């Protein structure tokens, strides 16, 4: 297997020969790990499995000397990827680059966690008039006659 400096580690779920979005939605679906060389844009390895031991097979085939030359790995945020990359003899010095989709999803989930209670508070009080709509010369719905 050729040496590489930048690699990608990706998982693909499939069911009956068709790639699917989520393995959880399909009983009997399988998961496969793929490794790609970002410099050539080609897949260099693939194996069925869904744990760190599966990805360890890639680094074992590559060898510890070639694995040490990897400087960056793009990957999902699943624990198996980083666990495998950080094993001695694998790509321990490589910079881990998480895929933007997963980073944005984490940020969106955190934002939703904060936003929902605020939305509920607003929903409870929206039947009341906001302070700016109160009667009087300062309010926009003032019934004070103009002079």
N, C-alpha and C. Protein backbone atom coordinates (compact mmCIF):
# COMPACT_ATOMS: atom_id res chain seq x y z
N UNK A 1 0.85 -1.18 0.00
CA UNK A 1 0.00 0.00 0.00
C UNK A 1 0.89 1.24 0.00
N UNK A 2 0.55 2.23 -0.80
CA UNK A 2 1.37 3.43 -0.93
C UNK A 2 1.32 4.29 0.33
N UNK A 3 2.42 4.97 0.59
CA UNK A 3 2.47 5.89 1.71
C UNK A 3 1.60 7.10 1.41
N UNK A 4 1.12 7.73 2.44
CA UNK A 4 0.30 8.92 2.25
C UNK A 4 0.53 9.88 3.42
N UNK A 5 0.29 11.15 3.17
CA UNK A 5 0.43 12.14 4.23
C UNK A 5 -0.92 12.55 4.81
N UNK A 6 -1.94 12.61 3.95
CA UNK A 6 -3.26 13.02 4.40
C UNK A 6 -4.27 11.94 4.01
N UNK A 7 -4.98 11.45 5.01
CA UNK A 7 -5.92 10.36 4.74
C UNK A 7 -7.31 10.73 5.25
N UNK A 8 -8.29 10.06 4.73
CA UNK A 8 -9.66 10.18 5.20
C UNK A 8 -10.14 8.84 5.68
N UNK A 9 -10.86 8.84 6.80
CA UNK A 9 -11.45 7.61 7.33
C UNK A 9 -12.96 7.84 7.35
N UNK A 10 -13.69 6.97 6.71
CA UNK A 10 -15.13 7.17 6.54
C UNK A 10 -15.86 5.85 6.73
N UNK A 11 -17.06 5.93 7.26
CA UNK A 11 -17.88 4.72 7.35
C UNK A 11 -19.07 4.86 6.41
N UNK A 12 -19.50 3.74 5.89
CA UNK A 12 -20.65 3.72 4.98
C UNK A 12 -21.57 2.59 5.44
N UNK A 13 -22.84 2.92 5.60
CA UNK A 13 -23.84 1.91 5.96
C UNK A 13 -24.50 1.41 4.68
N UNK A 14 -24.75 0.12 4.62
CA UNK A 14 -25.42 -0.42 3.44
C UNK A 14 -26.32 -1.58 3.84
N UNK A 15 -27.35 -1.78 3.03
CA UNK A 15 -28.33 -2.83 3.27
C UNK A 15 -28.70 -3.43 1.93
N UNK A 16 -28.50 -4.71 1.78
CA UNK A 16 -28.80 -5.43 0.53
C UNK A 16 -28.13 -4.79 -0.68
N UNK A 17 -26.89 -4.38 -0.51
CA UNK A 17 -26.11 -3.84 -1.61
C UNK A 17 -26.35 -2.37 -1.92
N UNK A 18 -27.20 -1.69 -1.14
CA UNK A 18 -27.50 -0.29 -1.37
C UNK A 18 -27.00 0.56 -0.21
N UNK A 19 -26.33 1.65 -0.52
CA UNK A 19 -25.87 2.56 0.52
C UNK A 19 -27.08 3.25 1.13
N UNK A 20 -27.12 3.31 2.46
CA UNK A 20 -28.25 3.92 3.16
C UNK A 20 -27.75 5.03 4.07
N UNK A 21 -28.67 5.90 4.49
CA UNK A 21 -28.33 7.04 5.32
C UNK A 21 -27.90 6.62 6.72
N UNK A 22 -28.72 5.78 7.38
CA UNK A 22 -28.44 5.37 8.75
C UNK A 22 -28.64 3.87 8.90
N UNK A 23 -27.67 3.21 9.50
CA UNK A 23 -27.78 1.77 9.70
C UNK A 23 -28.83 1.43 10.75
N UNK A 24 -29.10 2.37 11.68
CA UNK A 24 -30.07 2.12 12.75
C UNK A 24 -31.48 1.92 12.21
N UNK A 25 -31.79 2.51 11.06
CA UNK A 25 -33.14 2.44 10.50
C UNK A 25 -33.43 1.13 9.77
N UNK A 26 -32.41 0.33 9.53
CA UNK A 26 -32.58 -0.88 8.73
C UNK A 26 -32.01 -2.09 9.47
N UNK A 27 -32.88 -2.96 9.99
CA UNK A 27 -32.38 -4.18 10.63
C UNK A 27 -31.57 -5.00 9.62
N UNK A 28 -30.45 -5.49 10.04
CA UNK A 28 -29.61 -6.29 9.16
C UNK A 28 -28.64 -5.47 8.33
N UNK A 29 -28.63 -4.16 8.53
CA UNK A 29 -27.70 -3.31 7.77
C UNK A 29 -26.27 -3.53 8.27
N UNK A 30 -25.32 -3.34 7.40
CA UNK A 30 -23.91 -3.53 7.74
C UNK A 30 -23.18 -2.19 7.63
N UNK A 31 -22.04 -2.13 8.27
CA UNK A 31 -21.23 -0.92 8.25
C UNK A 31 -19.84 -1.30 7.74
N UNK A 32 -19.27 -0.45 6.92
CA UNK A 32 -17.92 -0.70 6.41
C UNK A 32 -17.10 0.56 6.59
N UNK A 33 -15.83 0.38 6.90
CA UNK A 33 -14.90 1.49 7.02
C UNK A 33 -14.07 1.57 5.74
N UNK A 34 -13.83 2.80 5.30
CA UNK A 34 -12.99 3.04 4.13
C UNK A 34 -11.91 4.03 4.49
N UNK A 35 -10.75 3.87 3.88
CA UNK A 35 -9.67 4.83 4.03
C UNK A 35 -9.34 5.35 2.64
N UNK A 36 -9.11 6.65 2.56
CA UNK A 36 -8.78 7.25 1.27
C UNK A 36 -7.53 8.11 1.40
N UNK A 37 -6.86 8.28 0.28
CA UNK A 37 -5.68 9.12 0.21
C UNK A 37 -6.14 10.47 -0.35
N UNK A 38 -6.07 11.52 0.47
CA UNK A 38 -6.56 12.83 0.03
C UNK A 38 -5.70 13.43 -1.08
N UNK A 39 -4.47 13.03 -1.17
CA UNK A 39 -3.59 13.58 -2.22
C UNK A 39 -3.93 13.04 -3.60
N UNK A 40 -4.33 11.78 -3.66
CA UNK A 40 -4.67 11.19 -4.96
C UNK A 40 -6.18 11.16 -5.20
N UNK A 41 -6.95 11.30 -4.11
CA UNK A 41 -8.40 11.25 -4.22
C UNK A 41 -8.95 9.85 -4.42
N UNK A 42 -8.16 8.83 -4.07
CA UNK A 42 -8.58 7.44 -4.28
C UNK A 42 -8.76 6.70 -2.96
N UNK A 43 -9.71 5.76 -2.99
CA UNK A 43 -9.86 4.87 -1.86
C UNK A 43 -8.71 3.88 -1.89
N UNK A 44 -8.13 3.63 -0.72
CA UNK A 44 -6.98 2.73 -0.69
C UNK A 44 -7.25 1.47 0.14
N UNK A 45 -8.36 1.47 0.89
CA UNK A 45 -8.63 0.32 1.75
C UNK A 45 -10.09 0.33 2.16
N UNK A 46 -10.67 -0.83 2.35
CA UNK A 46 -12.04 -0.96 2.84
C UNK A 46 -12.23 -2.29 3.52
N UNK A 47 -13.05 -2.29 4.57
CA UNK A 47 -13.29 -3.52 5.32
C UNK A 47 -14.63 -3.42 6.03
N UNK A 48 -15.39 -4.51 6.05
CA UNK A 48 -16.66 -4.52 6.76
C UNK A 48 -16.40 -4.61 8.26
N UNK A 49 -17.12 -3.83 9.01
CA UNK A 49 -16.98 -3.82 10.47
C UNK A 49 -17.43 -2.49 11.02
N UNK A 50 -17.49 -2.39 12.35
CA UNK A 50 -17.96 -1.14 12.94
C UNK A 50 -17.29 -0.79 14.26
N UNK A 51 -16.04 -1.16 14.41
CA UNK A 51 -15.36 -0.82 15.65
C UNK A 51 -13.91 -0.44 15.36
N UNK A 52 -13.19 -0.05 16.41
CA UNK A 52 -11.81 0.38 16.26
C UNK A 52 -10.92 -0.76 15.73
N UNK A 53 -11.23 -1.98 16.08
CA UNK A 53 -10.43 -3.12 15.62
C UNK A 53 -10.46 -3.23 14.09
N UNK A 54 -11.59 -2.87 13.47
CA UNK A 54 -11.69 -2.90 12.00
C UNK A 54 -10.72 -1.91 11.39
N UNK A 55 -10.72 -0.68 11.92
CA UNK A 55 -9.82 0.34 11.39
C UNK A 55 -8.36 0.05 11.74
N UNK A 56 -8.14 -0.66 12.83
CA UNK A 56 -6.77 -1.10 13.17
C UNK A 56 -6.19 -1.95 12.04
N UNK A 57 -7.04 -2.71 11.36
CA UNK A 57 -6.60 -3.53 10.23
C UNK A 57 -5.95 -2.71 9.14
N UNK A 58 -6.48 -1.50 8.90
CA UNK A 58 -5.88 -0.61 7.90
C UNK A 58 -4.46 -0.23 8.30
N UNK A 59 -4.31 0.23 9.55
CA UNK A 59 -2.98 0.65 10.01
C UNK A 59 -2.00 -0.52 10.06
N UNK A 60 -2.50 -1.70 10.39
CA UNK A 60 -1.64 -2.89 10.40
C UNK A 60 -1.15 -3.21 8.99
N UNK A 61 -2.03 -3.12 7.99
CA UNK A 61 -1.64 -3.35 6.61
C UNK A 61 -0.66 -2.30 6.12
N UNK A 62 -0.89 -1.05 6.53
CA UNK A 62 -0.04 0.05 6.10
C UNK A 62 1.35 -0.07 6.72
N UNK A 63 1.43 -0.54 7.95
CA UNK A 63 2.70 -0.68 8.65
C UNK A 63 3.00 0.55 9.50
N UNK A 64 3.76 0.36 10.56
CA UNK A 64 4.01 1.45 11.50
C UNK A 64 4.87 2.56 10.89
N UNK A 65 5.80 2.22 10.01
CA UNK A 65 6.66 3.23 9.40
C UNK A 65 5.86 4.16 8.49
N UNK A 66 5.00 3.57 7.66
CA UNK A 66 4.17 4.38 6.76
C UNK A 66 3.08 5.12 7.53
N UNK A 67 2.53 4.51 8.57
CA UNK A 67 1.51 5.16 9.39
C UNK A 67 2.06 6.40 10.07
N UNK A 68 3.31 6.38 10.43
CA UNK A 68 3.93 7.52 11.11
C UNK A 68 4.07 8.73 10.19
N UNK A 69 4.01 8.53 8.87
CA UNK A 69 4.14 9.66 7.94
C UNK A 69 2.82 10.40 7.73
N UNK A 70 1.72 9.85 8.24
CA UNK A 70 0.42 10.51 8.08
C UNK A 70 0.38 11.74 8.98
N UNK A 71 0.13 12.90 8.38
CA UNK A 71 0.14 14.15 9.14
C UNK A 71 -1.26 14.65 9.48
N UNK A 72 -2.28 14.23 8.74
CA UNK A 72 -3.65 14.68 9.00
C UNK A 72 -4.64 13.59 8.60
N UNK A 73 -5.69 13.45 9.41
CA UNK A 73 -6.74 12.48 9.13
C UNK A 73 -8.09 13.18 9.25
N UNK A 74 -8.89 13.14 8.19
CA UNK A 74 -10.25 13.66 8.28
C UNK A 74 -11.15 12.48 8.64
N UNK A 75 -12.07 12.71 9.58
CA UNK A 75 -12.89 11.60 10.07
C UNK A 75 -14.19 12.08 10.69
N UNK A 76 -15.10 11.13 10.88
CA UNK A 76 -16.32 11.38 11.65
C UNK A 76 -15.92 11.57 13.11
N UNK A 77 -16.88 11.94 13.93
CA UNK A 77 -16.58 12.14 15.35
C UNK A 77 -16.81 10.86 16.16
N UNK A 78 -17.00 9.74 15.50
CA UNK A 78 -17.19 8.47 16.21
C UNK A 78 -15.94 8.10 16.99
N UNK A 79 -16.10 7.52 18.16
CA UNK A 79 -14.94 7.21 19.01
C UNK A 79 -13.98 6.17 18.41
N UNK A 80 -14.47 5.30 17.54
CA UNK A 80 -13.62 4.25 16.97
C UNK A 80 -12.49 4.83 16.12
N UNK A 81 -12.77 5.92 15.40
CA UNK A 81 -11.76 6.50 14.51
C UNK A 81 -10.54 6.99 15.30
N UNK A 82 -10.80 7.87 16.23
CA UNK A 82 -9.67 8.45 16.98
C UNK A 82 -8.98 7.40 17.84
N UNK A 83 -9.75 6.48 18.40
CA UNK A 83 -9.16 5.42 19.22
C UNK A 83 -8.16 4.62 18.41
N UNK A 84 -8.52 4.28 17.19
CA UNK A 84 -7.63 3.50 16.33
C UNK A 84 -6.41 4.32 15.91
N UNK A 85 -6.63 5.59 15.56
CA UNK A 85 -5.51 6.42 15.09
C UNK A 85 -4.48 6.68 16.18
N UNK A 86 -4.89 6.68 17.44
CA UNK A 86 -3.99 7.03 18.55
C UNK A 86 -3.27 5.83 19.16
N UNK A 87 -3.46 4.65 18.61
CA UNK A 87 -2.74 3.47 19.09
C UNK A 87 -1.27 3.58 18.67
N UNK A 88 -0.36 3.18 19.55
CA UNK A 88 1.08 3.21 19.20
C UNK A 88 1.31 2.42 17.92
N UNK A 89 2.10 3.00 17.03
CA UNK A 89 2.39 2.37 15.75
C UNK A 89 1.43 2.80 14.66
N UNK A 90 0.40 3.56 15.02
CA UNK A 90 -0.54 4.08 14.03
C UNK A 90 -0.19 5.55 13.82
N UNK A 91 -1.15 6.37 13.49
CA UNK A 91 -0.90 7.78 13.17
C UNK A 91 -1.03 8.65 14.42
N UNK A 92 -0.18 8.41 15.41
CA UNK A 92 -0.30 9.09 16.71
C UNK A 92 -0.03 10.59 16.63
N UNK A 93 0.78 11.03 15.67
CA UNK A 93 1.11 12.45 15.56
C UNK A 93 0.23 13.21 14.58
N UNK A 94 -0.69 12.51 13.93
CA UNK A 94 -1.54 13.14 12.92
C UNK A 94 -2.53 14.11 13.56
N UNK A 95 -2.81 15.18 12.86
CA UNK A 95 -3.83 16.13 13.29
C UNK A 95 -5.18 15.54 12.90
N UNK A 96 -6.10 15.53 13.86
CA UNK A 96 -7.44 15.01 13.61
C UNK A 96 -8.31 16.15 13.09
N UNK A 97 -8.91 15.96 11.93
CA UNK A 97 -9.78 16.97 11.32
C UNK A 97 -11.18 16.38 11.24
N UNK A 98 -12.07 16.87 12.11
CA UNK A 98 -13.44 16.36 12.09
C UNK A 98 -14.20 16.94 10.91
N UNK A 99 -15.07 16.14 10.34
CA UNK A 99 -15.86 16.58 9.20
C UNK A 99 -16.81 17.69 9.65
N UNK A 100 -16.95 18.74 8.85
CA UNK A 100 -17.79 19.88 9.24
C UNK A 100 -19.23 19.51 9.60
N UNK A 101 -19.81 18.53 8.91
CA UNK A 101 -21.18 18.13 9.20
C UNK A 101 -21.35 17.79 10.68
N UNK A 102 -20.41 17.02 11.21
CA UNK A 102 -20.52 16.57 12.60
C UNK A 102 -20.29 17.71 13.59
N UNK A 103 -19.39 18.62 13.26
CA UNK A 103 -19.13 19.77 14.13
C UNK A 103 -20.35 20.68 14.16
N UNK A 104 -20.95 20.95 13.00
CA UNK A 104 -22.14 21.79 12.93
C UNK A 104 -23.31 21.14 13.66
N UNK A 105 -23.45 19.82 13.54
CA UNK A 105 -24.52 19.13 14.24
C UNK A 105 -24.36 19.27 15.75
N UNK A 106 -23.15 19.14 16.25
CA UNK A 106 -22.91 19.32 17.69
C UNK A 106 -23.29 20.72 18.14
N UNK A 107 -22.88 21.72 17.37
CA UNK A 107 -23.19 23.12 17.71
C UNK A 107 -24.70 23.37 17.65
N UNK A 108 -25.37 22.83 16.65
CA UNK A 108 -26.81 23.00 16.51
C UNK A 108 -27.55 22.35 17.68
N UNK A 109 -27.12 21.15 18.08
CA UNK A 109 -27.75 20.47 19.22
C UNK A 109 -27.57 21.29 20.50
N UNK A 110 -26.38 21.86 20.69
CA UNK A 110 -26.13 22.68 21.88
C UNK A 110 -26.99 23.94 21.85
N UNK A 111 -27.13 24.55 20.68
CA UNK A 111 -27.95 25.74 20.54
C UNK A 111 -29.42 25.43 20.82
N UNK A 112 -29.91 24.30 20.32
CA UNK A 112 -31.29 23.89 20.58
C UNK A 112 -31.54 23.68 22.07
N UNK A 113 -30.56 23.13 22.74
CA UNK A 113 -30.69 22.88 24.18
C UNK A 113 -30.90 24.19 24.95
N UNK A 114 -30.27 25.26 24.51
CA UNK A 114 -30.40 26.56 25.15
C UNK A 114 -31.64 27.30 24.64
N UNK A 115 -31.95 27.14 23.36
CA UNK A 115 -33.05 27.88 22.74
C UNK A 115 -34.42 27.41 23.19
N UNK A 116 -34.61 26.13 23.39
CA UNK A 116 -35.93 25.60 23.71
C UNK A 116 -36.52 26.19 24.99
N UNK A 117 -35.79 26.24 26.11
CA UNK A 117 -36.39 26.86 27.30
C UNK A 117 -36.77 28.32 27.08
N UNK A 118 -35.98 29.06 26.32
CA UNK A 118 -36.30 30.45 26.03
C UNK A 118 -37.58 30.54 25.21
N UNK A 119 -37.74 29.67 24.26
CA UNK A 119 -38.93 29.64 23.43
C UNK A 119 -40.17 29.33 24.25
N UNK A 120 -40.03 28.42 25.22
CA UNK A 120 -41.16 28.08 26.08
C UNK A 120 -41.56 29.27 26.95
N UNK A 121 -40.57 29.98 27.47
CA UNK A 121 -40.87 31.17 28.29
C UNK A 121 -41.61 32.20 27.46
N UNK A 122 -41.18 32.40 26.22
CA UNK A 122 -41.83 33.37 25.34
C UNK A 122 -43.26 32.94 25.02
N UNK A 123 -43.46 31.65 24.79
CA UNK A 123 -44.79 31.15 24.45
C UNK A 123 -45.77 31.38 25.59
N UNK A 124 -45.31 31.29 26.84
CA UNK A 124 -46.21 31.50 27.98
C UNK A 124 -46.63 32.95 28.11
N UNK A 125 -45.77 33.87 27.72
CA UNK A 125 -46.08 35.28 27.94
C UNK A 125 -46.53 36.01 26.68
N UNK A 126 -46.65 35.36 25.57
CA UNK A 126 -46.99 36.08 24.34
C UNK A 126 -48.45 36.52 24.28
N UNK A 127 -49.31 35.98 25.16
CA UNK A 127 -50.70 36.43 25.18
C UNK A 127 -50.83 37.78 25.86
N UNK A 128 -49.85 38.13 26.68
CA UNK A 128 -49.85 39.45 27.31
C UNK A 128 -49.31 40.48 26.33
N UNK A 129 -49.70 41.72 26.55
CA UNK A 129 -49.17 42.80 25.71
C UNK A 129 -47.74 43.09 26.09
N UNK A 130 -46.87 43.25 25.13
CA UNK A 130 -45.51 43.66 25.48
C UNK A 130 -45.53 45.08 26.05
N UNK A 131 -44.55 45.44 26.84
CA UNK A 131 -44.53 46.77 27.47
C UNK A 131 -44.63 47.91 26.46
N UNK A 132 -44.08 47.76 25.27
CA UNK A 132 -44.12 48.84 24.29
C UNK A 132 -45.51 49.07 23.74
N UNK A 133 -46.42 48.11 23.93
CA UNK A 133 -47.77 48.25 23.40
C UNK A 133 -48.75 48.77 24.45
N UNK A 134 -48.23 49.19 25.59
CA UNK A 134 -49.12 49.69 26.64
C UNK A 134 -49.70 51.04 26.23
N UNK A 135 -50.82 51.39 26.88
CA UNK A 135 -51.44 52.66 26.56
C UNK A 135 -50.64 53.80 27.15
N UNK A 136 -50.72 54.89 26.52
CA UNK A 136 -50.04 56.09 27.01
C UNK A 136 -49.28 56.76 25.90
N UNK A 137 -48.77 57.93 26.15
CA UNK A 137 -48.09 58.68 25.11
C UNK A 137 -46.87 57.98 24.52
N UNK A 138 -46.24 57.11 25.30
CA UNK A 138 -45.03 56.47 24.81
C UNK A 138 -45.31 55.24 23.95
N UNK A 139 -46.51 54.62 24.13
CA UNK A 139 -46.79 53.37 23.42
C UNK A 139 -47.27 53.59 22.00
N UNK A 140 -47.03 52.64 21.07
CA UNK A 140 -47.44 52.78 19.69
C UNK A 140 -48.96 52.71 19.52
N UNK A 141 -49.64 52.11 20.50
CA UNK A 141 -51.09 52.00 20.41
C UNK A 141 -51.76 52.99 21.35
N UNK A 142 -51.14 54.11 21.54
CA UNK A 142 -51.60 55.12 22.48
C UNK A 142 -52.97 55.65 22.04
N UNK A 143 -53.87 55.79 22.99
CA UNK A 143 -55.19 56.36 22.70
C UNK A 143 -55.28 57.78 23.22
N UNK A 144 -54.15 58.30 23.56
CA UNK A 144 -54.12 59.69 24.02
C UNK A 144 -54.38 60.58 22.82
N UNK A 145 -55.34 61.49 22.93
CA UNK A 145 -55.63 62.35 21.78
C UNK A 145 -54.45 63.23 21.43
N UNK A 146 -54.31 63.47 20.14
CA UNK A 146 -53.24 64.35 19.68
C UNK A 146 -53.65 65.79 19.92
N UNK A 147 -52.68 66.58 20.23
CA UNK A 147 -52.99 68.01 20.44
C UNK A 147 -52.24 68.87 19.49
